[in-house]
Amino acid sequence: MTLTVGHSVLSAPRAGGVRLEDTFHLRDGAAQPLTDFPAQFELPAA
């Protein structure tokens, strides 16, 4: 089974917004992540 976990929309005034999601493959009681991206990111200076 595949499961997607969506987080709240992150937004910054005058910069826009982004929605981050993690996707997992569930099998035999274990979850294997299918998405691979840094957990931290930076907004460009205004």
PDB file of N, CA and C in Angstrom:
ATOM      1  N   MET A   1       0.847  -1.159   0.000  1.00  0.00           N
ATOM      2  CA  MET A   1       0.000   0.000   0.000  1.00  0.00           C
ATOM      3  C   MET A   1       0.904   1.237   0.000  1.00  0.00           C
ATOM      4  N   THR A   2       0.448   2.289  -0.638  1.00  0.00           N
ATOM      5  CA  THR A   2       1.162   3.563  -0.661  1.00  0.00           C
ATOM      6  C   THR A   2       0.357   4.581   0.130  1.00  0.00           C
ATOM      7  N   LEU A   3       1.050   5.358   0.940  1.00  0.00           N
ATOM      8  CA  LEU A   3       0.421   6.354   1.797  1.00  0.00           C
ATOM      9  C   LEU A   3       1.105   7.693   1.599  1.00  0.00           C
ATOM     10  N   THR A   4       0.316   8.753   1.451  1.00  0.00           N
ATOM     11  CA  THR A   4       0.850  10.102   1.347  1.00  0.00           C
ATOM     12  C   THR A   4       0.437  10.892   2.573  1.00  0.00           C
ATOM     13  N   VAL A   5       1.422  11.539   3.203  1.00  0.00           N
ATOM     14  CA  VAL A   5       1.176  12.371   4.375  1.00  0.00           C
ATOM     15  C   VAL A   5       1.414  13.816   3.962  1.00  0.00           C
ATOM     16  N   GLY A   6       0.360  14.624   3.981  1.00  0.00           N
ATOM     17  CA  GLY A   6       0.463  16.031   3.606  1.00  0.00           C
ATOM     18  C   GLY A   6       0.560  16.898   4.842  1.00  0.00           C
ATOM     19  N   HIS A   7       1.445  17.850   4.796  1.00  0.00           N
ATOM     20  CA  HIS A   7       1.646  18.775   5.903  1.00  0.00           C
ATOM     21  C   HIS A   7       0.909  20.082   5.610  1.00  0.00           C
ATOM     22  N   SER A   8       0.836  20.926   6.578  1.00  0.00           N
ATOM     23  CA  SER A   8       0.192  22.231   6.399  1.00  0.00           C
ATOM     24  C   SER A   8       0.883  23.017   5.288  1.00  0.00           C
ATOM     25  N   VAL A   9       0.137  23.912   4.678  1.00  0.00           N
ATOM     26  CA  VAL A   9       0.713  24.796   3.665  1.00  0.00           C
ATOM     27  C   VAL A   9       1.594  25.820   4.368  1.00  0.00           C
ATOM     28  N   LEU A  10       2.824  25.930   3.892  1.00  0.00           N
ATOM     29  CA  LEU A  10       3.751  26.924   4.426  1.00  0.00           C
ATOM     30  C   LEU A  10       3.706  28.129   3.505  1.00  0.00           C
ATOM     31  N   SER A  11       3.512  29.304   4.065  1.00  0.00           N
ATOM     32  CA  SER A  11       3.438  30.491   3.218  1.00  0.00           C
ATOM     33  C   SER A  11       4.218  31.634   3.840  1.00  0.00           C
ATOM     34  N   ALA A  12       4.676  32.510   2.972  1.00  0.00           N
ATOM     35  CA  ALA A  12       5.389  33.716   3.382  1.00  0.00           C
ATOM     36  C   ALA A  12       4.795  34.886   2.602  1.00  0.00           C
ATOM     37  N   PRO A  13       4.500  35.980   3.297  1.00  0.00           N
ATOM     38  CA  PRO A  13       3.929  37.145   2.610  1.00  0.00           C
ATOM     39  C   PRO A  13       4.814  37.593   1.444  1.00  0.00           C
ATOM     40  N   ARG A  14       4.179  37.899   0.320  1.00  0.00           N
ATOM     41  CA  ARG A  14       4.839  38.388  -0.899  1.00  0.00           C
ATOM     42  C   ARG A  14       5.820  37.395  -1.511  1.00  0.00           C
ATOM     43  N   ALA A  15       5.870  36.157  -0.994  1.00  0.00           N
ATOM     44  CA  ALA A  15       6.790  35.166  -1.560  1.00  0.00           C
ATOM     45  C   ALA A  15       6.033  33.968  -2.134  1.00  0.00           C
ATOM     46  N   GLY A  16       4.840  33.682  -1.595  1.00  0.00           N
ATOM     47  CA  GLY A  16       4.069  32.545  -2.085  1.00  0.00           C
ATOM     48  C   GLY A  16       3.965  31.464  -1.028  1.00  0.00           C
ATOM     49  N   GLY A  17       3.661  30.270  -1.443  1.00  0.00           N
ATOM     50  CA  GLY A  17       3.490  29.171  -0.505  1.00  0.00           C
ATOM     51  C   GLY A  17       3.894  27.852  -1.117  1.00  0.00           C
ATOM     52  N   VAL A  18       4.007  26.863  -0.267  1.00  0.00           N
ATOM     53  CA  VAL A  18       4.392  25.525  -0.714  1.00  0.00           C
ATOM     54  C   VAL A  18       3.719  24.505   0.201  1.00  0.00           C
ATOM     55  N   ARG A  19       3.363  23.379  -0.356  1.00  0.00           N
ATOM     56  CA  ARG A  19       2.814  22.269   0.430  1.00  0.00           C
ATOM     57  C   ARG A  19       3.777  21.102   0.268  1.00  0.00           C
ATOM     58  N   LEU A  20       4.262  20.597   1.376  1.00  0.00           N
ATOM     59  CA  LEU A  20       5.195  19.483   1.360  1.00  0.00           C
ATOM     60  C   LEU A  20       4.437  18.191   1.665  1.00  0.00           C
ATOM     61  N   GLU A  21       4.778  17.131   0.968  1.00  0.00           N
ATOM     62  CA  GLU A  21       4.161  15.829   1.200  1.00  0.00           C
ATOM     63  C   GLU A  21       5.242  14.760   1.262  1.00  0.00           C
ATOM     64  N   ASP A  22       5.007  13.769   2.090  1.00  0.00           N
ATOM     65  CA  ASP A  22       5.883  12.605   2.164  1.00  0.00           C
ATOM     66  C   ASP A  22       5.083  11.396   1.682  1.00  0.00           C
ATOM     67  N   THR A  23       5.721  10.545   0.886  1.00  0.00           N
ATOM     68  CA  THR A  23       5.060   9.349   0.370  1.00  0.00           C
ATOM     69  C   THR A  23       5.811   8.123   0.878  1.00  0.00           C
ATOM     70  N   PHE A  24       5.037   7.140   1.378  1.00  0.00           N
ATOM     71  CA  PHE A  24       5.621   5.934   1.952  1.00  0.00           C
ATOM     72  C   PHE A  24       5.023   4.695   1.303  1.00  0.00           C
ATOM     73  N   HIS A  25       5.829   3.654   1.223  1.00  0.00           N
ATOM     74  CA  HIS A  25       5.345   2.339   0.819  1.00  0.00           C
ATOM     75  C   HIS A  25       5.225   1.514   2.090  1.00  0.00           C
ATOM     76  N   LEU A  26       4.005   1.045   2.390  1.00  0.00           N
ATOM     77  CA  LEU A  26       3.756   0.259   3.594  1.00  0.00           C
ATOM     78  C   LEU A  26       3.720  -1.215   3.229  1.00  0.00           C
ATOM     79  N   ARG A  27       4.539  -2.002   3.949  1.00  0.00           N
ATOM     80  CA  ARG A  27       4.586  -3.435   3.670  1.00  0.00           C
ATOM     81  C   ARG A  27       5.076  -4.178   4.909  1.00  0.00           C
ATOM     82  N   ASP A  28       4.365  -5.204   5.279  1.00  0.00           N
ATOM     83  CA  ASP A  28       4.736  -6.053   6.413  1.00  0.00           C
ATOM     84  C   ASP A  28       4.963  -5.245   7.692  1.00  0.00           C
ATOM     85  N   GLY A  29       4.143  -4.245   7.918  1.00  0.00           N
ATOM     86  CA  GLY A  29       4.231  -3.448   9.137  1.00  0.00           C
ATOM     87  C   GLY A  29       5.358  -2.432   9.163  1.00  0.00           C
ATOM     88  N   ALA A  30       6.041  -2.236   8.052  1.00  0.00           N
ATOM     89  CA  ALA A  30       7.137  -1.264   7.978  1.00  0.00           C
ATOM     90  C   ALA A  30       6.826  -0.234   6.896  1.00  0.00           C
ATOM     91  N   ALA A  31       7.317   0.977   7.108  1.00  0.00           N
ATOM     92  CA  ALA A  31       7.116   2.068   6.142  1.00  0.00           C
ATOM     93  C   ALA A  31       8.454   2.435   5.514  1.00  0.00           C
ATOM     94  N   GLN A  32       8.504   2.393   4.193  1.00  0.00           N
ATOM     95  CA  GLN A  32       9.706   2.794   3.463  1.00  0.00           C
ATOM     96  C   GLN A  32       9.417   4.114   2.767  1.00  0.00           C
ATOM     97  N   PRO A  33      10.195   5.182   3.064  1.00  0.00           N
ATOM     98  CA  PRO A  33       9.944   6.459   2.406  1.00  0.00           C
ATOM     99  C   PRO A  33      10.263   6.381   0.915  1.00  0.00           C
ATOM    100  N   LEU A  34       9.398   6.986   0.101  1.00  0.00           N
ATOM    101  CA  LEU A  34       9.602   7.018  -1.349  1.00  0.00           C
ATOM    102  C   LEU A  34      10.070   8.387  -1.821  1.00  0.00           C
ATOM    103  N   THR A  35       9.879   9.398  -0.982  1.00  0.00           N
ATOM    104  CA  THR A  35      10.333  10.743  -1.330  1.00  0.00           C
ATOM    105  C   THR A  35      11.663  11.012  -0.645  1.00  0.00           C
ATOM    106  N   ASP A  36      12.525  11.758  -1.323  1.00  0.00           N
ATOM    107  CA  ASP A  36      13.851  12.058  -0.777  1.00  0.00           C
ATOM    108  C   ASP A  36      14.190  13.513  -1.089  1.00  0.00           C
ATOM    109  N   PHE A  37      13.973  14.365  -0.099  1.00  0.00           N
ATOM    110  CA  PHE A  37      14.345  15.759  -0.256  1.00  0.00           C
ATOM    111  C   PHE A  37      14.714  16.298   1.115  1.00  0.00           C
ATOM    112  N   PRO A  38      15.506  17.364   1.177  1.00  0.00           N
ATOM    113  CA  PRO A  38      15.930  17.910   2.472  1.00  0.00           C
ATOM    114  C   PRO A  38      14.735  18.332   3.324  1.00  0.00           C
ATOM    115  N   ALA A  39      14.830  18.103   4.613  1.00  0.00           N
ATOM    116  CA  ALA A  39      13.759  18.485   5.531  1.00  0.00           C
ATOM    117  C   ALA A  39      13.808  19.979   5.845  1.00  0.00           C
ATOM    118  N   GLN A  40      14.905  20.631   5.535  1.00  0.00           N
ATOM    119  CA  GLN A  40      15.031  22.059   5.781  1.00  0.00           C
ATOM    120  C   GLN A  40      15.227  22.786   4.445  1.00  0.00           C
ATOM    121  N   PHE A  41      14.667  23.974   4.362  1.00  0.00           N
ATOM    122  CA  PHE A  41      14.857  24.791   3.191  1.00  0.00           C
ATOM    123  C   PHE A  41      14.852  26.251   3.611  1.00  0.00           C
ATOM    124  N   GLU A  42      15.353  27.112   2.766  1.00  0.00           N
ATOM    125  CA  GLU A  42      15.463  28.523   3.081  1.00  0.00           C
ATOM    126  C   GLU A  42      14.710  29.353   2.066  1.00  0.00           C
ATOM    127  N   LEU A  43      14.042  30.392   2.550  1.00  0.00           N
ATOM    128  CA  LEU A  43      13.405  31.353   1.661  1.00  0.00           C
ATOM    129  C   LEU A  43      14.429  32.399   1.251  1.00  0.00           C
ATOM    130  N   PRO A  44      14.377  32.838   0.004  1.00  0.00           N
ATOM    131  CA  PRO A  44      15.308  33.889  -0.412  1.00  0.00           C
ATOM    132  C   PRO A  44      15.011  35.188   0.344  1.00  0.00           C
ATOM    133  N   ALA A  45      16.028  35.981   0.551  1.00  0.00           N
ATOM    134  CA  ALA A  45      15.872  37.255   1.236  1.00  0.00           C
ATOM    135  C   ALA A  45      14.977  38.181   0.412  1.00  0.00           C
ATOM    136  N   ALA A  46      14.148  38.914   1.105  1.00  0.00           N
ATOM    137  CA  ALA A  46      13.208  39.825   0.426  1.00  0.00           C
ATOM    138  C   ALA A  46      13.919  41.043  -0.116  1.00  0.00           C
TER     139      ALA A  46
END
